[in-house]
Amino acid sequence: MLERKGCFNEAVSYWQEALTLAVSERERHWCESRAHLCQKRSMQGE
């Protein structure tokens, strides 16, 4: 929801928190990827 609303800064925090809870390597990779994407979009001002 946060990403759809354009709240990328806030979404980064949630993805980083999710990363600490991820169990599998696949989950960790997904959380890292989403956090990185949100951080990038936040810096671009999208």
PDB file of N, CA and C in Angstrom:
ATOM      1  N   MET A   1       0.813  -1.196   0.000  1.00  0.00           N
ATOM      2  CA  MET A   1       0.000   0.000   0.000  1.00  0.00           C
ATOM      3  C   MET A   1       0.857   1.261   0.000  1.00  0.00           C
ATOM      4  N   LEU A   2       1.901   1.276   0.794  1.00  0.00           N
ATOM      5  CA  LEU A   2       2.730   2.476   0.876  1.00  0.00           C
ATOM      6  C   LEU A   2       3.363   2.803  -0.470  1.00  0.00           C
ATOM      7  N   GLU A   3       3.832   1.777  -1.163  1.00  0.00           N
ATOM      8  CA  GLU A   3       4.449   2.003  -2.467  1.00  0.00           C
ATOM      9  C   GLU A   3       3.421   2.543  -3.456  1.00  0.00           C
ATOM     10  N   ARG A   4       2.224   2.017  -3.426  1.00  0.00           N
ATOM     11  CA  ARG A   4       1.167   2.486  -4.333  1.00  0.00           C
ATOM     12  C   ARG A   4       0.807   3.938  -4.068  1.00  0.00           C
ATOM     13  N   LYS A   5       0.925   4.354  -2.813  1.00  0.00           N
ATOM     14  CA  LYS A   5       0.618   5.742  -2.443  1.00  0.00           C
ATOM     15  C   LYS A   5       1.809   6.671  -2.668  1.00  0.00           C
ATOM     16  N   GLY A   6       2.966   6.102  -3.026  1.00  0.00           N
ATOM     17  CA  GLY A   6       4.154   6.915  -3.256  1.00  0.00           C
ATOM     18  C   GLY A   6       4.925   7.246  -1.996  1.00  0.00           C
ATOM     19  N   CYS A   7       4.651   6.539  -0.911  1.00  0.00           N
ATOM     20  CA  CYS A   7       5.335   6.767   0.371  1.00  0.00           C
ATOM     21  C   CYS A   7       6.580   5.876   0.449  1.00  0.00           C
ATOM     22  N   PHE A   8       7.527   6.146  -0.421  1.00  0.00           N
ATOM     23  CA  PHE A   8       8.681   5.261  -0.550  1.00  0.00           C
ATOM     24  C   PHE A   8       9.613   5.295   0.655  1.00  0.00           C
ATOM     25  N   ASN A   9       9.805   6.464   1.263  1.00  0.00           N
ATOM     26  CA  ASN A   9      10.654   6.543   2.463  1.00  0.00           C
ATOM     27  C   ASN A   9      10.128   5.642   3.566  1.00  0.00           C
ATOM     28  N   GLU A  10       8.845   5.695   3.788  1.00  0.00           N
ATOM     29  CA  GLU A  10       8.230   4.876   4.826  1.00  0.00           C
ATOM     30  C   GLU A  10       8.282   3.393   4.457  1.00  0.00           C
ATOM     31  N   ALA A  11       8.085   3.103   3.183  1.00  0.00           N
ATOM     32  CA  ALA A  11       8.116   1.715   2.724  1.00  0.00           C
ATOM     33  C   ALA A  11       9.495   1.089   2.943  1.00  0.00           C
ATOM     34  N   VAL A  12      10.550   1.871   2.764  1.00  0.00           N
ATOM     35  CA  VAL A  12      11.910   1.365   2.997  1.00  0.00           C
ATOM     36  C   VAL A  12      12.030   0.836   4.420  1.00  0.00           C
ATOM     37  N   SER A  13      11.531   1.589   5.374  1.00  0.00           N
ATOM     38  CA  SER A  13      11.603   1.170   6.779  1.00  0.00           C
ATOM     39  C   SER A  13      10.886  -0.150   7.015  1.00  0.00           C
ATOM     40  N   TYR A  14       9.730  -0.295   6.408  1.00  0.00           N
ATOM     41  CA  TYR A  14       8.968  -1.535   6.584  1.00  0.00           C
ATOM     42  C   TYR A  14       9.658  -2.721   5.911  1.00  0.00           C
ATOM     43  N   TRP A  15      10.225  -2.510   4.735  1.00  0.00           N
ATOM     44  CA  TRP A  15      10.942  -3.605   4.076  1.00  0.00           C
ATOM     45  C   TRP A  15      12.186  -3.996   4.864  1.00  0.00           C
ATOM     46  N   GLN A  16      12.868  -3.027   5.450  1.00  0.00           N
ATOM     47  CA  GLN A  16      14.044  -3.346   6.268  1.00  0.00           C
ATOM     48  C   GLN A  16      13.647  -4.114   7.519  1.00  0.00           C
ATOM     49  N   GLU A  17      12.523  -3.772   8.100  1.00  0.00           N
ATOM     50  CA  GLU A  17      12.019  -4.512   9.259  1.00  0.00           C
ATOM     51  C   GLU A  17      11.631  -5.928   8.844  1.00  0.00           C
ATOM     52  N   ALA A  18      10.983  -6.051   7.701  1.00  0.00           N
ATOM     53  CA  ALA A  18      10.602  -7.377   7.198  1.00  0.00           C
ATOM     54  C   ALA A  18      11.842  -8.232   6.958  1.00  0.00           C
ATOM     55  N   LEU A  19      12.914  -7.604   6.531  1.00  0.00           N
ATOM     56  CA  LEU A  19      14.166  -8.328   6.302  1.00  0.00           C
ATOM     57  C   LEU A  19      14.659  -8.999   7.577  1.00  0.00           C
ATOM     58  N   THR A  20      14.493  -8.349   8.704  1.00  0.00           N
ATOM     59  CA  THR A  20      14.942  -8.942   9.973  1.00  0.00           C
ATOM     60  C   THR A  20      14.085 -10.138  10.372  1.00  0.00           C
ATOM     61  N   LEU A  21      12.888 -10.229   9.817  1.00  0.00           N
ATOM     62  CA  LEU A  21      11.976 -11.329  10.138  1.00  0.00           C
ATOM     63  C   LEU A  21      12.002 -12.445   9.093  1.00  0.00           C
ATOM     64  N   ALA A  22      12.644 -12.182   7.968  1.00  0.00           N
ATOM     65  CA  ALA A  22      12.674 -13.165   6.881  1.00  0.00           C
ATOM     66  C   ALA A  22      13.407 -14.427   7.316  1.00  0.00           C
ATOM     67  N   VAL A  23      12.854 -15.553   6.921  1.00  0.00           N
ATOM     68  CA  VAL A  23      13.413 -16.844   7.312  1.00  0.00           C
ATOM     69  C   VAL A  23      14.293 -17.423   6.209  1.00  0.00           C
ATOM     70  N   SER A  24      13.786 -17.427   4.989  1.00  0.00           N
ATOM     71  CA  SER A  24      14.519 -18.054   3.888  1.00  0.00           C
ATOM     72  C   SER A  24      15.360 -17.027   3.131  1.00  0.00           C
ATOM     73  N   GLU A  25      16.300 -17.528   2.368  1.00  0.00           N
ATOM     74  CA  GLU A  25      17.137 -16.666   1.531  1.00  0.00           C
ATOM     75  C   GLU A  25      16.270 -15.951   0.491  1.00  0.00           C
ATOM     76  N   ARG A  26      15.288 -16.640  -0.015  1.00  0.00           N
ATOM     77  CA  ARG A  26      14.380 -16.043  -1.001  1.00  0.00           C
ATOM     78  C   ARG A  26      13.627 -14.858  -0.397  1.00  0.00           C
ATOM     79  N   GLU A  27      13.145 -15.007   0.820  1.00  0.00           N
ATOM     80  CA  GLU A  27      12.442 -13.911   1.500  1.00  0.00           C
ATOM     81  C   GLU A  27      13.384 -12.742   1.752  1.00  0.00           C
ATOM     82  N   ARG A  28      14.603 -13.039   2.198  1.00  0.00           N
ATOM     83  CA  ARG A  28      15.583 -11.971   2.443  1.00  0.00           C
ATOM     84  C   ARG A  28      15.892 -11.213   1.159  1.00  0.00           C
ATOM     85  N   HIS A  29      16.060 -11.951   0.070  1.00  0.00           N
ATOM     86  CA  HIS A  29      16.352 -11.323  -1.222  1.00  0.00           C
ATOM     87  C   HIS A  29      15.200 -10.407  -1.653  1.00  0.00           C
ATOM     88  N   TRP A  30      13.964 -10.882  -1.482  1.00  0.00           N
ATOM     89  CA  TRP A  30      12.790 -10.086  -1.855  1.00  0.00           C
ATOM     90  C   TRP A  30      12.741  -8.790  -1.047  1.00  0.00           C
ATOM     91  N   CYS A  31      12.926  -8.895   0.254  1.00  0.00           N
ATOM     92  CA  CYS A  31      12.883  -7.706   1.124  1.00  0.00           C
ATOM     93  C   CYS A  31      13.990  -6.726   0.776  1.00  0.00           C
ATOM     94  N   GLU A  32      15.191  -7.232   0.535  1.00  0.00           N
ATOM     95  CA  GLU A  32      16.312  -6.365   0.152  1.00  0.00           C
ATOM     96  C   GLU A  32      16.024  -5.666  -1.168  1.00  0.00           C
ATOM     97  N   SER A  33      15.485  -6.413  -2.117  1.00  0.00           N
ATOM     98  CA  SER A  33      15.180  -5.853  -3.435  1.00  0.00           C
ATOM     99  C   SER A  33      14.124  -4.761  -3.353  1.00  0.00           C
ATOM    100  N   ARG A  34      13.059  -5.006  -2.587  1.00  0.00           N
ATOM    101  CA  ARG A  34      11.997  -4.015  -2.450  1.00  0.00           C
ATOM    102  C   ARG A  34      12.498  -2.775  -1.716  1.00  0.00           C
ATOM    103  N   ALA A  35      13.294  -2.976  -0.669  1.00  0.00           N
ATOM    104  CA  ALA A  35      13.842  -1.837   0.070  1.00  0.00           C
ATOM    105  C   ALA A  35      14.730  -0.993  -0.838  1.00  0.00           C
ATOM    106  N   HIS A  36      15.549  -1.658  -1.637  1.00  0.00           N
ATOM    107  CA  HIS A  36      16.440  -0.944  -2.554  1.00  0.00           C
ATOM    108  C   HIS A  36      15.632  -0.164  -3.595  1.00  0.00           C
ATOM    109  N   LEU A  37      14.609  -0.796  -4.150  1.00  0.00           N
ATOM    110  CA  LEU A  37      13.767  -0.131  -5.138  1.00  0.00           C
ATOM    111  C   LEU A  37      13.083   1.095  -4.540  1.00  0.00           C
ATOM    112  N   CYS A  38      12.528   0.944  -3.360  1.00  0.00           N
ATOM    113  CA  CYS A  38      11.848   2.069  -2.703  1.00  0.00           C
ATOM    114  C   CYS A  38      12.822   3.198  -2.386  1.00  0.00           C
ATOM    115  N   GLN A  39      14.014   2.826  -1.944  1.00  0.00           N
ATOM    116  CA  GLN A  39      15.029   3.838  -1.647  1.00  0.00           C
ATOM    117  C   GLN A  39      15.399   4.603  -2.916  1.00  0.00           C
ATOM    118  N   LYS A  40      15.559   3.886  -4.004  1.00  0.00           N
ATOM    119  CA  LYS A  40      15.903   4.498  -5.280  1.00  0.00           C
ATOM    120  C   LYS A  40      14.792   5.445  -5.748  1.00  0.00           C
ATOM    121  N   ARG A  41      13.550   4.989  -5.657  1.00  0.00           N
ATOM    122  CA  ARG A  41      12.417   5.824  -6.078  1.00  0.00           C
ATOM    123  C   ARG A  41      12.252   7.038  -5.172  1.00  0.00           C
ATOM    124  N   SER A  42      12.547   6.865  -3.906  1.00  0.00           N
ATOM    125  CA  SER A  42      12.463   7.975  -2.966  1.00  0.00           C
ATOM    126  C   SER A  42      13.460   9.067  -3.340  1.00  0.00           C
ATOM    127  N   MET A  43      14.640   8.661  -3.734  1.00  0.00           N
ATOM    128  CA  MET A  43      15.680   9.619  -4.109  1.00  0.00           C
ATOM    129  C   MET A  43      15.351  10.313  -5.430  1.00  0.00           C
ATOM    130  N   GLN A  44      14.590   9.634  -6.282  1.00  0.00           N
ATOM    131  CA  GLN A  44      14.202  10.207  -7.570  1.00  0.00           C
ATOM    132  C   GLN A  44      13.002  11.133  -7.433  1.00  0.00           C
ATOM    133  N   GLY A  45      12.377  11.089  -6.268  1.00  0.00           N
ATOM    134  CA  GLY A  45      11.233  11.953  -6.025  1.00  0.00           C
ATOM    135  C   GLY A  45       9.951  11.475  -6.668  1.00  0.00           C
ATOM    136  N   GLU A  46       9.871  10.175  -6.927  1.00  0.00           N
ATOM    137  CA  GLU A  46       8.643   9.622  -7.523  1.00  0.00           C
ATOM    138  C   GLU A  46       7.541   9.528  -6.506  1.00  0.00           C
TER     139      GLU A  46
END
